[in-house]
Structures are given as structure tokens and as C-alpha cells.
Amino acid sequence: MPEDVGESAAGRWRRRLLDLLGRNLSVVVLALLCLISSAATWREQNPITSRSGGAVARQVLEACPAPCSVLVVARDTEADMVFARAIEEGLEGSRVRIAGRVFGQPREVRLELERLAGTGASLDAIATHRIASEWGPVRTAGVPVFSPGSYHWPTFLTARNLLNVVNQNADIAIIALGMTLVILTAGIDLSVGSLLALAGVIAAVTAQEWFGGAAASPAGLLAAMLLGVVAAALGGLLSGTMVTAFRVPPFVATLGLMMLARGLALILAVGHQRRLVGGGAEGTPEAVRVDASVFAWLGNGAVLGVPNPIVLMLVLFVAAHLLMTRTMFGRYVYAVGGNVEAARLSGVPVTAVLLAVYCLCGAFAGLAGIVDASRFEGGRPNAGELYELQVIAAVVVGGASLAGGRGRVAGTLIGAMIIAVIQNGLNIAGVASYEQKVVFGALILAAVLLDRLQPKIASRRARMTR
């Protein structure tokens, strides 16, 4: 007899809806957070992009049938310069002449207008964006002002903010990949933040001292980065060895490595600083700066407008998803986390699997450290402090069980985005960084509590459907 017999249509739909929500809870939470953030940041938008700059150029061409001269006004920011460049490109080869360019504040605009008036040059219009069009010197210039129209849209959902949210949390997401593997085996790794710092400092110190510093070749910089990643992977391998060979609890083993790696990062950074200044330096340097400009490409460059850290994060997530769903290794990881003794009796190489997941977790942390060092153009010995808190939160919120055996790479990505959206919302609201720790701590507790309650909820749901 079908299980739906005797159950009303409304009851069946309610049960199916609850099942769907239960399987996709993290997606629902992410959607709700995006909805709340969008509603809270509904604002008038004043576009400052190359597209809006082109629109202003077309406005000028339509309004100036005869030859005329235009002053281009923008602030001294990268976005404003892109906007101004688009205006000039749109007017290039036309009957409109660029009388001058101002990149600055109202004072610079006033000085430029006075200069043009003093030379007797004609000025027929000003091309700028909405913000600068409200400046006093622009409004009182006595000529038409052309600017792109405004519109209402959530600041949270602007392309610039979304890219920034993901980009700023790409290193957390990358580390969370490795943490997912460890948690799937019922382990934990508290050393990821310290390994991030150690990898960044090793890459920076070796790039400066071994591979030529400012004169370092791309191959030399790549070698320095690989050394940092390998060092972090070896740190993870050390944790795995402690867990497998000596039966040390993962919490204790990785706690010790956390202190060890952080100390090594500080020792290397201080030692480099002393060698740099002749031995008289005191204190801890904020960062070991890398003089080679190419070093900053990974953390600050972009591919087709998408920041490199995001591209790297997506590539790694796709690779990890395939690893966990299409390979024997992925099945071994789930088997070890589900029941380690049953896995061993089934022929699963438990020791090798555990060594591999801790080594991979260290490697992912090291790779995130390279991204961090590249972003800040130097290895920071204090980077990644308390990152383990956000990383564990991302994995658990993404649906992984701390008891092992349950979790998905896709869920971790969603969990990392949930953490990113929460952090973005807290930053917009002006919440201090130390206050944010309370939020993330509460989030972990809530996620762990939900994980513990899920078997009871599933059991109750099964009884209701009988």
C-alpha cells in the first residue's frame, strides 16, 4: 500500500515541502540573507562605470550639434578614471573638443575653471557623474552639466559589491575546502589560519632572499609560492601523522601545530627584518614585503573582470567536487567518516586516507596564504588569526556533520557564501570586528545544535509519515 494512503493532499504537500527545505536548508538561509541584505541596502544608485561614461558621451553629442568644448570632471579613484576614460573615448573623433580634465575634489574643479576663464578658452559643457554634478563649482559654472541618470537598486546586489563580497572571502572558501575533507572524516583542523600565515611568509622571504626580490622572475616567484604551499602541506601531513600513528586527538594535534606554525611565521618575519636592517630591528614586522610587482597579480589581478581569487576558488571547488563525487578517494573519505572500523574491515586504507585529507587541508590553507600575501604584496605573520572559526562555521553551516560521514563540497561553497554575506552585512551596519566574533561563535553553536537535532527531527518525520 502506498505510504500516502490516508494522508490528505495538504499533508503530502506539507511533508514534501519540509523534506525539500530540510535537504536545502543552507540554500534557503543564503537566499533569506540576500533578501534581507537587499532590502536593507535599497538606495539610489549613481553609476560610475565605463558604460555610464559612454552614455554621458552620447548625451553630449546629442546636445551639441555644433563644435563645442567640454570639461571632464571625476574624482581621483580607479572607478572614476575608468568612467572619465569612457567619456573621452566616446567623444574621440567627434566635433566635441576636450577643454580639460579634472581628477580630484571641488577645489581642483574651481581652480581648473578659473584657469580656463583666465586663458579665454571657451567652455560649453561639463561631463561628469551624479556625485560630482552636485559640487558647488560645477553647479555654478554657468554651463550645461551632463551626467548619467540615477536609479534605485539594492547596494548589496550591485555587481561591484557582489564581486567584492566573494573576493574578500575567497581565502576562507579555499581553506574551507580542505576543512570539509577533514570534517568528513570526523576530524578537525585548528591550524589552518597559522599555516596560511606561514605559507605567505615563506613565499615572501624566499622571493626576496633567494629569487632576487624586485628582480625576481615569474618562475622564481612561482617557486617561492610553491615552497609556501609545500610547507603548509607538510604541516598538515604532520597533523595527520600525529592522528594516525600516535592516536593523538585531532583537536590536540592541530592545536599544537597552530602554535608551532604561528611561531615559525613570526620567527621568519623577524629574522628577515633583522637581516634587512643589519640586526638592530626590534618588534614584529607587519609584513615581509615582496618588491616584485608580478607577485601581486594573483591577489589583485582579474580575468575578464572577475578577480583572480574568485577564479581560483571556483576552479578548486569544481576540482574538489569531482574528486569527492567521481573518484574512489572520495568514497573512501565518506566511508572513513561514516564508520572507521567498518571502512578498515572493508579494505579502505584508513591511514592513507587520513594522511591525505590532513595534507590536502594544509595545502589549501597554504594556497590561501599565497593569495593573502599576493593581495597585500607581502607575507603577514599575523594573517589568518581566528580564520579557523570562520572556516569551521562555513563547513558546518554548509551542512557537514562534525560527527563525520555527511557533507558536500557544494554545501561548503554555500556555507562560505553565507559567512561572506553575514560579514558584509555586519560591516555595512558598522559592527566592530571584535563584536563580529560573537556572531560567528553563535552561528557555530547554532549549526552544531541543528546538526545534533537532525537525527531526532528525521526520526520524528519518519514516524509522522507512517
Protein backbone atom coordinates (compact mmCIF):
# COMPACT_ATOMS: atom_id res chain seq x y z
CA MET A 1 0.00 0.00 0.00
CA PRO A 2 1.44 3.45 -0.88
CA GLU A 3 2.54 5.44 2.13
CA ASP A 4 0.42 8.42 1.05
CA VAL A 5 -2.87 6.49 1.52
CA GLY A 6 -4.90 8.05 4.32
CA GLU A 7 -2.90 11.28 4.14
CA SER A 8 -4.58 14.41 2.85
CA ALA A 9 -3.27 16.25 -0.19
CA ALA A 10 -2.35 19.22 2.01
CA GLY A 11 -0.43 16.90 4.33
CA ARG A 12 1.50 15.38 1.44
CA TRP A 13 2.45 18.77 0.08
CA ARG A 14 3.49 19.97 3.55
CA ARG A 15 5.66 16.89 4.06
CA ARG A 16 7.29 17.26 0.66
CA LEU A 17 7.95 20.95 1.30
CA LEU A 18 9.54 20.16 4.66
CA ASP A 19 11.69 17.47 3.06
CA LEU A 20 12.79 19.89 0.34
CA LEU A 21 13.63 22.61 2.86
CA GLY A 22 15.48 20.11 5.03
CA ARG A 23 17.68 18.98 2.15
CA ASN A 24 18.39 22.53 1.00
CA LEU A 25 18.38 24.44 4.29
CA SER A 26 21.67 26.22 3.61
CA VAL A 27 20.40 27.43 0.22
CA VAL A 28 17.23 28.75 1.87
CA VAL A 29 19.29 30.53 4.55
CA LEU A 30 21.56 32.11 1.92
CA ALA A 31 18.54 33.28 -0.10
CA LEU A 32 16.93 34.81 3.01
CA LEU A 33 20.15 36.59 3.96
CA CYS A 34 20.48 38.01 0.45
CA LEU A 35 16.85 39.13 0.61
CA ILE A 36 17.37 40.86 3.96
CA SER A 37 20.63 42.49 2.82
CA SER A 38 18.95 43.68 -0.37
CA ALA A 39 16.03 45.22 1.50
CA ALA A 40 18.36 46.91 3.99
CA THR A 41 20.54 48.45 1.27
CA TRP A 42 17.85 49.71 -1.14
CA ARG A 43 19.38 53.00 -2.25
CA GLU A 44 19.53 55.46 -5.10
CA GLN A 45 22.39 54.29 -7.32
CA ASN A 46 24.66 56.68 -9.19
CA PRO A 47 26.55 54.54 -11.71
CA ILE A 48 30.24 55.27 -12.22
CA THR A 49 31.24 52.73 -14.86
CA SER A 50 32.56 52.63 -18.40
CA ARG A 51 29.01 52.03 -19.64
CA SER A 52 27.65 55.11 -17.85
CA GLY A 53 30.62 57.10 -19.17
CA GLY A 54 29.68 56.09 -22.71
CA ALA A 55 26.09 57.16 -22.02
CA VAL A 56 27.29 60.62 -20.94
CA ALA A 57 29.36 60.94 -24.13
CA ARG A 58 26.24 60.19 -26.20
CA GLN A 59 24.28 62.83 -24.25
CA VAL A 60 26.94 65.42 -25.07
CA LEU A 61 26.98 64.51 -28.77
CA GLU A 62 23.19 64.75 -28.99
CA ALA A 63 23.07 68.12 -27.20
CA CYS A 64 25.94 69.75 -29.10
CA PRO A 65 25.04 69.97 -32.81
CA ALA A 66 27.85 72.48 -33.41
CA PRO A 67 31.52 72.19 -32.38
CA CYS A 68 31.86 72.69 -28.63
CA SER A 69 34.30 72.18 -25.77
CA VAL A 70 33.71 70.03 -22.69
CA LEU A 71 35.37 69.77 -19.29
CA VAL A 72 35.54 66.20 -17.94
CA VAL A 73 35.27 66.05 -14.14
CA ALA A 74 35.83 62.99 -11.94
CA ARG A 75 37.30 62.05 -8.59
CA ASP A 76 40.77 60.59 -8.16
CA THR A 77 39.65 56.95 -7.92
CA GLU A 78 40.11 53.98 -10.22
CA ALA A 79 36.38 53.73 -10.97
CA ASP A 80 36.18 57.45 -11.77
CA MET A 81 39.15 57.24 -14.10
CA VAL A 82 37.52 54.36 -15.99
CA PHE A 83 34.35 56.45 -16.21
CA ALA A 84 36.23 59.53 -17.49
CA ARG A 85 38.21 57.46 -19.99
CA ALA A 86 34.94 56.10 -21.42
CA ILE A 87 33.65 59.66 -21.88
CA GLU A 88 36.78 60.68 -23.75
CA GLU A 89 36.70 57.56 -25.93
CA GLY A 90 33.05 58.25 -26.75
CA LEU A 91 33.87 61.81 -27.82
CA GLU A 92 37.05 60.94 -29.69
CA GLY A 93 36.95 61.88 -33.38
CA SER A 94 33.77 63.94 -32.98
CA ARG A 95 33.06 67.65 -33.16
CA VAL A 96 33.41 67.90 -29.38
CA ARG A 97 36.77 69.05 -28.01
CA ILE A 98 38.02 68.14 -24.53
CA ALA A 99 38.81 71.51 -22.93
CA GLY A 100 40.30 69.97 -19.79
CA ARG A 101 40.27 67.14 -17.31
CA VAL A 102 39.94 67.27 -13.53
CA PHE A 103 40.59 64.28 -11.26
CA GLY A 104 40.09 65.44 -7.71
CA GLN A 105 37.76 67.35 -5.41
CA PRO A 106 35.69 70.57 -5.77
CA ARG A 107 38.76 72.72 -5.10
CA GLU A 108 40.56 71.31 -8.15
CA VAL A 109 37.44 71.88 -10.27
CA ARG A 110 37.28 75.52 -9.18
CA LEU A 111 40.97 76.03 -9.99
CA GLU A 112 40.54 74.48 -13.45
CA LEU A 113 37.51 76.65 -14.21
CA GLU A 114 39.48 79.74 -13.14
CA ARG A 115 42.38 78.67 -15.35
CA LEU A 116 40.12 78.22 -18.38
CA ALA A 117 38.49 81.59 -17.75
CA GLY A 118 41.91 83.23 -17.39
CA THR A 119 43.13 81.89 -20.73
CA GLY A 120 39.94 82.93 -22.50
CA ALA A 121 39.18 79.34 -23.53
CA SER A 122 35.55 78.61 -24.28
CA LEU A 123 33.63 76.07 -22.23
CA ASP A 124 30.25 74.83 -23.40
CA ALA A 125 29.54 71.88 -21.07
CA ILE A 126 30.75 69.74 -18.19
CA ALA A 127 30.65 65.94 -18.36
CA THR A 128 30.72 64.16 -15.02
CA HIS A 129 28.80 61.73 -12.80
CA ARG A 130 25.90 62.43 -10.48
CA ILE A 131 28.01 62.89 -7.35
CA ALA A 132 30.33 65.49 -8.86
CA SER A 133 27.40 67.25 -10.54
CA GLU A 134 26.31 68.35 -7.04
CA TRP A 135 29.61 70.07 -6.28
CA GLY A 136 29.40 73.84 -5.88
CA PRO A 137 31.92 74.82 -8.62
CA VAL A 138 30.15 72.53 -11.11
CA ARG A 139 26.66 73.83 -10.30
CA THR A 140 27.74 77.49 -10.55
CA ALA A 141 29.86 77.11 -13.70
CA GLY A 142 27.02 78.51 -15.84
CA VAL A 143 27.19 75.75 -18.48
CA PRO A 144 25.09 72.60 -19.04
CA VAL A 145 26.14 69.62 -16.91
CA PHE A 146 25.77 66.12 -18.35
CA SER A 147 25.71 63.10 -16.02
CA PRO A 148 24.22 59.60 -16.12
CA GLY A 149 20.77 59.11 -14.69
CA SER A 150 20.28 57.51 -11.29
CA TYR A 151 18.10 54.53 -10.38
CA HIS A 152 17.03 52.66 -7.26
CA TRP A 153 18.60 49.27 -6.59
CA PRO A 154 19.99 47.39 -3.55
CA THR A 155 23.62 48.31 -2.98
CA PHE A 156 24.17 44.71 -1.90
CA LEU A 157 23.13 43.42 -5.34
CA THR A 158 25.40 45.69 -7.37
CA ALA A 159 27.96 43.74 -9.38
CA ARG A 160 30.79 45.62 -7.69
CA ASN A 161 29.62 44.73 -4.18
CA LEU A 162 28.89 41.08 -5.01
CA LEU A 163 32.34 40.62 -6.53
CA ASN A 164 33.87 42.37 -3.52
CA VAL A 165 31.96 40.15 -1.07
CA VAL A 166 33.12 36.94 -2.74
CA ASN A 167 36.65 38.22 -3.40
CA GLN A 168 37.25 39.25 0.21
CA ASN A 169 36.18 35.80 1.41
CA ALA A 170 37.78 33.67 -1.31
CA ASP A 171 40.61 32.63 1.02
CA ILE A 172 38.09 31.49 3.65
CA ALA A 173 36.29 29.42 1.00
CA ILE A 174 39.55 27.87 -0.24
CA ILE A 175 40.55 26.80 3.28
CA ALA A 176 37.01 25.53 3.88
CA LEU A 177 37.53 23.05 1.04
CA GLY A 178 40.34 21.35 2.93
CA MET A 179 38.45 21.59 6.22
CA THR A 180 35.50 19.82 4.57
CA LEU A 181 37.66 16.78 3.84
CA VAL A 182 38.92 16.69 7.42
CA ILE A 183 35.46 17.11 8.97
CA LEU A 184 34.06 14.40 6.69
CA THR A 185 36.47 12.00 8.42
CA ALA A 186 35.18 13.18 11.84
CA GLY A 187 38.34 15.25 12.40
CA ILE A 188 39.07 18.94 12.90
CA ASP A 189 42.00 21.20 11.97
CA LEU A 190 42.66 24.27 14.10
CA SER A 191 45.98 25.08 12.43
CA VAL A 192 44.67 26.42 9.11
CA GLY A 193 44.98 30.12 10.00
CA SER A 194 48.56 29.70 11.21
CA LEU A 195 49.50 27.63 8.15
CA LEU A 196 48.09 30.41 5.98
CA ALA A 197 50.43 32.90 7.66
CA LEU A 198 53.42 30.54 7.49
CA ALA A 199 52.94 29.88 3.76
CA GLY A 200 52.67 33.59 2.99
CA VAL A 201 55.78 34.48 4.99
CA ILE A 202 57.83 31.63 3.50
CA ALA A 203 56.83 32.69 -0.02
CA ALA A 204 57.70 36.33 0.71
CA VAL A 205 61.03 35.64 2.43
CA THR A 206 62.24 33.20 -0.24
CA ALA A 207 61.11 35.53 -3.04
CA GLN A 208 63.14 38.35 -1.50
CA GLU A 209 66.23 36.44 -0.34
CA TRP A 210 66.53 33.51 -2.75
CA PHE A 211 64.96 34.61 -6.02
CA GLY A 212 66.06 38.22 -6.42
CA GLY A 213 63.41 40.38 -4.75
CA ALA A 214 62.39 43.14 -7.16
CA ALA A 215 64.32 41.42 -9.96
CA ALA A 216 62.70 38.03 -9.36
CA SER A 217 61.46 36.29 -12.48
CA PRO A 218 57.93 34.85 -12.73
CA ALA A 219 59.47 31.37 -12.46
CA GLY A 220 61.29 32.38 -9.28
CA LEU A 221 58.13 33.83 -7.77
CA LEU A 222 56.21 30.69 -8.69
CA ALA A 223 58.90 28.59 -6.98
CA ALA A 224 58.63 30.76 -3.85
CA MET A 225 54.85 30.33 -3.82
CA LEU A 226 55.16 26.57 -4.25
CA LEU A 227 57.59 26.42 -1.33
CA GLY A 228 54.98 28.12 0.85
CA VAL A 229 52.24 25.71 -0.22
CA VAL A 230 54.51 22.67 0.25
CA ALA A 231 55.48 23.85 3.75
CA ALA A 232 51.81 24.16 4.71
CA ALA A 233 51.05 20.74 3.20
CA LEU A 234 53.88 19.22 5.25
CA GLY A 235 52.36 20.84 8.32
CA GLY A 236 49.07 19.15 7.52
CA LEU A 237 50.92 15.87 6.98
CA LEU A 238 52.47 16.25 10.45
CA SER A 239 48.99 16.62 11.95
CA GLY A 240 47.80 13.57 10.05
CA THR A 241 50.78 11.55 11.30
CA MET A 242 50.06 12.54 14.91
CA VAL A 243 46.43 11.50 14.47
CA THR A 244 47.07 8.19 12.71
CA ALA A 245 50.38 6.92 14.07
CA PHE A 246 50.15 8.15 17.66
CA ARG A 247 46.36 8.29 18.09
CA VAL A 248 46.52 11.94 19.21
CA PRO A 249 43.05 13.54 19.09
CA PRO A 250 42.80 15.86 16.06
CA PHE A 251 41.88 18.80 18.29
CA VAL A 252 45.09 18.46 20.32
CA ALA A 253 47.37 17.68 17.36
CA THR A 254 46.21 20.63 15.28
CA LEU A 255 46.16 22.96 18.30
CA GLY A 256 49.85 22.25 18.79
CA LEU A 257 50.57 22.79 15.10
CA MET A 258 48.62 26.05 15.22
CA MET A 259 51.03 27.45 17.82
CA LEU A 260 54.07 25.94 16.09
CA ALA A 261 53.24 27.37 12.65
CA ARG A 262 52.39 30.82 14.02
CA GLY A 263 55.65 30.91 15.93
CA LEU A 264 57.66 29.89 12.86
CA ALA A 265 55.95 32.60 10.78
CA LEU A 266 56.90 35.23 13.36
CA ILE A 267 60.48 33.92 13.65
CA LEU A 268 60.97 34.03 9.86
CA ALA A 269 59.47 37.52 9.57
CA VAL A 270 61.55 38.96 12.43
CA GLY A 271 64.70 37.26 11.13
CA HIS A 272 64.17 38.72 7.66
CA GLN A 273 63.65 42.18 9.11
CA ARG A 274 66.85 41.96 11.13
CA ARG A 275 68.86 40.85 8.11
CA LEU A 276 67.30 43.69 6.14
CA VAL A 277 68.34 46.44 8.57
CA GLY A 278 71.55 44.93 9.87
CA GLY A 279 70.41 43.19 13.04
CA GLY A 280 69.12 46.12 15.05
CA ALA A 281 65.39 45.74 14.43
CA GLU A 282 63.01 45.12 17.30
CA GLY A 283 59.37 44.08 17.22
CA THR A 284 57.36 42.13 14.70
CA PRO A 285 57.05 43.47 11.14
CA GLU A 286 53.52 43.89 9.85
CA ALA A 287 54.51 42.14 6.62
CA VAL A 288 57.51 40.87 4.70
CA ARG A 289 57.13 43.00 1.60
CA VAL A 290 57.77 41.49 -1.84
CA ASP A 291 59.21 44.09 -4.21
CA ALA A 292 58.41 42.25 -7.45
CA SER A 293 55.23 43.74 -8.92
CA VAL A 294 54.26 40.45 -10.60
CA PHE A 295 53.80 38.90 -7.14
CA ALA A 296 50.62 40.95 -6.65
CA TRP A 297 48.93 39.57 -9.79
CA LEU A 298 47.31 36.54 -8.15
CA GLY A 299 45.66 38.52 -5.37
CA ASN A 300 44.84 41.73 -7.24
CA GLY A 301 44.56 40.83 -10.93
CA ALA A 302 41.42 39.83 -12.80
CA VAL A 303 40.33 37.60 -15.68
CA LEU A 304 37.55 39.11 -17.82
CA GLY A 305 36.66 41.43 -14.96
CA VAL A 306 36.48 38.63 -12.37
CA PRO A 307 39.14 38.88 -9.60
CA ASN A 308 41.74 36.13 -9.71
CA PRO A 309 40.99 34.84 -6.17
CA ILE A 310 37.39 34.15 -7.25
CA VAL A 311 38.54 32.36 -10.40
CA LEU A 312 40.96 30.24 -8.37
CA MET A 313 38.26 29.48 -5.78
CA LEU A 314 35.78 28.31 -8.42
CA VAL A 315 38.37 26.12 -10.18
CA LEU A 316 39.30 24.48 -6.87
CA PHE A 317 35.66 23.89 -5.93
CA VAL A 318 34.92 22.22 -9.26
CA ALA A 319 38.03 20.04 -8.92
CA ALA A 320 37.14 19.12 -5.32
CA HIS A 321 33.55 18.33 -6.28
CA LEU A 322 34.75 15.94 -8.99
CA LEU A 323 37.28 14.42 -6.57
CA MET A 324 34.63 13.71 -3.95
CA THR A 325 31.85 12.51 -6.27
CA ARG A 326 33.65 10.75 -9.13
CA THR A 327 36.68 9.07 -7.58
CA MET A 328 37.44 6.16 -5.26
CA PHE A 329 39.23 8.56 -2.93
CA GLY A 330 36.01 10.49 -2.35
CA ARG A 331 34.15 7.30 -1.47
CA TYR A 332 36.95 6.32 0.90
CA VAL A 333 36.68 9.68 2.71
CA TYR A 334 32.95 9.23 3.28
CA ALA A 335 33.49 5.63 4.38
CA VAL A 336 36.12 6.59 6.97
CA GLY A 337 33.87 9.32 8.35
CA GLY A 338 30.82 7.08 8.46
CA ASN A 339 32.42 4.21 10.39
CA VAL A 340 36.18 3.95 10.56
CA GLU A 341 36.24 0.33 11.76
CA ALA A 342 33.79 -0.83 9.11
CA ALA A 343 35.84 1.01 6.49
CA ARG A 344 39.04 -0.70 7.66
CA LEU A 345 37.39 -4.12 7.57
CA SER A 346 36.14 -3.34 4.05
CA GLY A 347 39.68 -2.80 2.81
CA VAL A 348 39.75 1.00 2.88
CA PRO A 349 43.32 2.28 3.54
CA VAL A 350 42.22 4.36 6.51
CA THR A 351 45.68 5.62 7.47
CA ALA A 352 46.49 6.75 3.93
CA VAL A 353 43.12 8.48 3.60
CA LEU A 354 43.56 10.40 6.86
CA LEU A 355 47.11 11.42 5.95
CA ALA A 356 45.87 12.61 2.56
CA VAL A 357 42.98 14.72 3.90
CA TYR A 358 45.14 16.49 6.51
CA CYS A 359 47.86 17.07 3.91
CA LEU A 360 45.31 18.48 1.45
CA CYS A 361 43.83 20.68 4.18
CA GLY A 362 47.29 22.11 4.84
CA ALA A 363 47.88 22.62 1.12
CA PHE A 364 44.60 24.52 0.72
CA ALA A 365 45.50 26.69 3.72
CA GLY A 366 48.90 27.33 2.15
CA LEU A 367 47.33 28.29 -1.16
CA ALA A 368 45.04 30.72 0.67
CA GLY A 369 48.17 32.12 2.32
CA ILE A 370 49.71 32.77 -1.09
CA VAL A 371 46.53 34.59 -2.16
CA ASP A 372 46.67 36.67 1.03
CA ALA A 373 50.36 37.51 0.57
CA SER A 374 49.77 38.44 -3.07
CA ARG A 375 46.79 40.62 -2.16
CA PHE A 376 48.81 42.57 0.42
CA GLU A 377 52.05 42.36 -1.58
CA GLY A 378 53.82 40.67 1.29
CA GLY A 379 53.65 37.81 3.77
CA ARG A 380 51.93 38.80 7.01
CA PRO A 381 52.97 36.76 10.08
CA ASN A 382 49.74 37.70 11.87
CA ALA A 383 47.47 36.88 8.92
CA GLY A 384 44.70 34.35 9.35
CA GLU A 385 44.17 34.82 13.08
CA LEU A 386 40.93 33.08 14.10
CA TYR A 387 40.28 32.08 10.48
CA GLU A 388 39.63 28.58 11.77
CA LEU A 389 36.48 29.96 13.43
CA GLN A 390 35.01 31.22 10.16
CA VAL A 391 36.19 28.18 8.21
CA ILE A 392 34.57 25.70 10.59
CA ALA A 393 31.43 27.84 10.57
CA ALA A 394 31.33 27.76 6.76
CA VAL A 395 31.67 23.96 6.63
CA VAL A 396 29.12 23.26 9.36
CA VAL A 397 26.63 25.83 8.11
CA GLY A 398 27.03 24.23 4.68
CA GLY A 399 25.57 21.01 6.03
CA ALA A 400 28.60 18.95 7.05
CA SER A 401 28.33 16.93 10.26
CA LEU A 402 31.08 17.23 12.86
CA ALA A 403 30.48 13.54 13.55
CA GLY A 404 31.78 12.79 10.04
CA GLY A 405 30.39 10.99 7.03
CA ARG A 406 27.99 13.71 5.90
CA GLY A 407 28.67 16.86 3.89
CA ARG A 408 29.15 18.14 0.36
CA VAL A 409 31.64 20.41 -1.38
CA ALA A 410 28.75 22.39 -2.88
CA GLY A 411 27.33 22.82 0.62
CA THR A 412 30.65 24.21 1.81
CA LEU A 413 30.61 26.78 -1.01
CA ILE A 414 27.12 27.86 0.04
CA GLY A 415 28.23 27.94 3.68
CA ALA A 416 31.21 30.14 2.78
CA MET A 417 28.89 32.50 0.92
CA ILE A 418 26.57 32.63 3.96
CA ILE A 419 29.54 33.67 6.10
CA ALA A 420 30.54 36.24 3.47
CA VAL A 421 27.05 37.75 3.30
CA ILE A 422 26.79 37.93 7.09
CA GLN A 423 30.19 39.58 7.32
CA ASN A 424 29.30 42.05 4.58
CA GLY A 425 26.06 42.92 6.35
CA LEU A 426 27.86 43.40 9.66
CA ASN A 427 30.44 45.65 8.00
CA ILE A 428 27.74 47.74 6.33
CA ALA A 429 25.99 48.04 9.71
CA GLY A 430 29.24 49.25 11.29
CA VAL A 431 29.64 46.30 13.66
CA ALA A 432 33.19 46.16 15.09
CA SER A 433 35.40 43.19 14.26
CA TYR A 434 35.53 42.01 17.87
CA GLU A 435 31.73 42.12 18.04
CA GLN A 436 31.52 40.05 14.86
CA LYS A 437 33.30 37.21 16.67
CA VAL A 438 30.25 36.90 18.93
CA VAL A 439 28.04 36.48 15.86
CA PHE A 440 30.24 33.81 14.28
CA GLY A 441 30.60 31.96 17.58
CA ALA A 442 26.83 31.92 18.00
CA LEU A 443 26.49 30.77 14.39
CA ILE A 444 28.74 27.77 15.01
CA LEU A 445 26.83 26.84 18.17
CA ALA A 446 23.52 27.09 16.31
CA ALA A 447 24.80 24.99 13.40
CA VAL A 448 26.21 22.31 15.74
CA LEU A 449 22.96 22.24 17.72
CA LEU A 450 20.99 21.80 14.50
CA ASP A 451 23.37 19.01 13.45
CA ARG A 452 22.74 17.21 16.74
CA LEU A 453 18.99 17.65 16.48
CA GLN A 454 18.74 16.43 12.88
CA PRO A 455 18.55 12.70 13.74
CA LYS A 456 15.68 13.38 16.14
CA ILE A 457 13.93 15.56 13.56
CA ALA A 458 14.36 12.88 10.87
CA SER A 459 13.07 10.18 13.23
CA ARG A 460 10.03 12.24 14.13
CA ARG A 461 9.34 12.97 10.46
CA ALA A 462 9.58 9.26 9.64
CA ARG A 463 7.04 8.42 12.36
CA MET A 464 4.67 11.08 11.03
CA THR A 465 4.74 9.57 7.53
CA ARG A 466 3.95 6.02 8.65
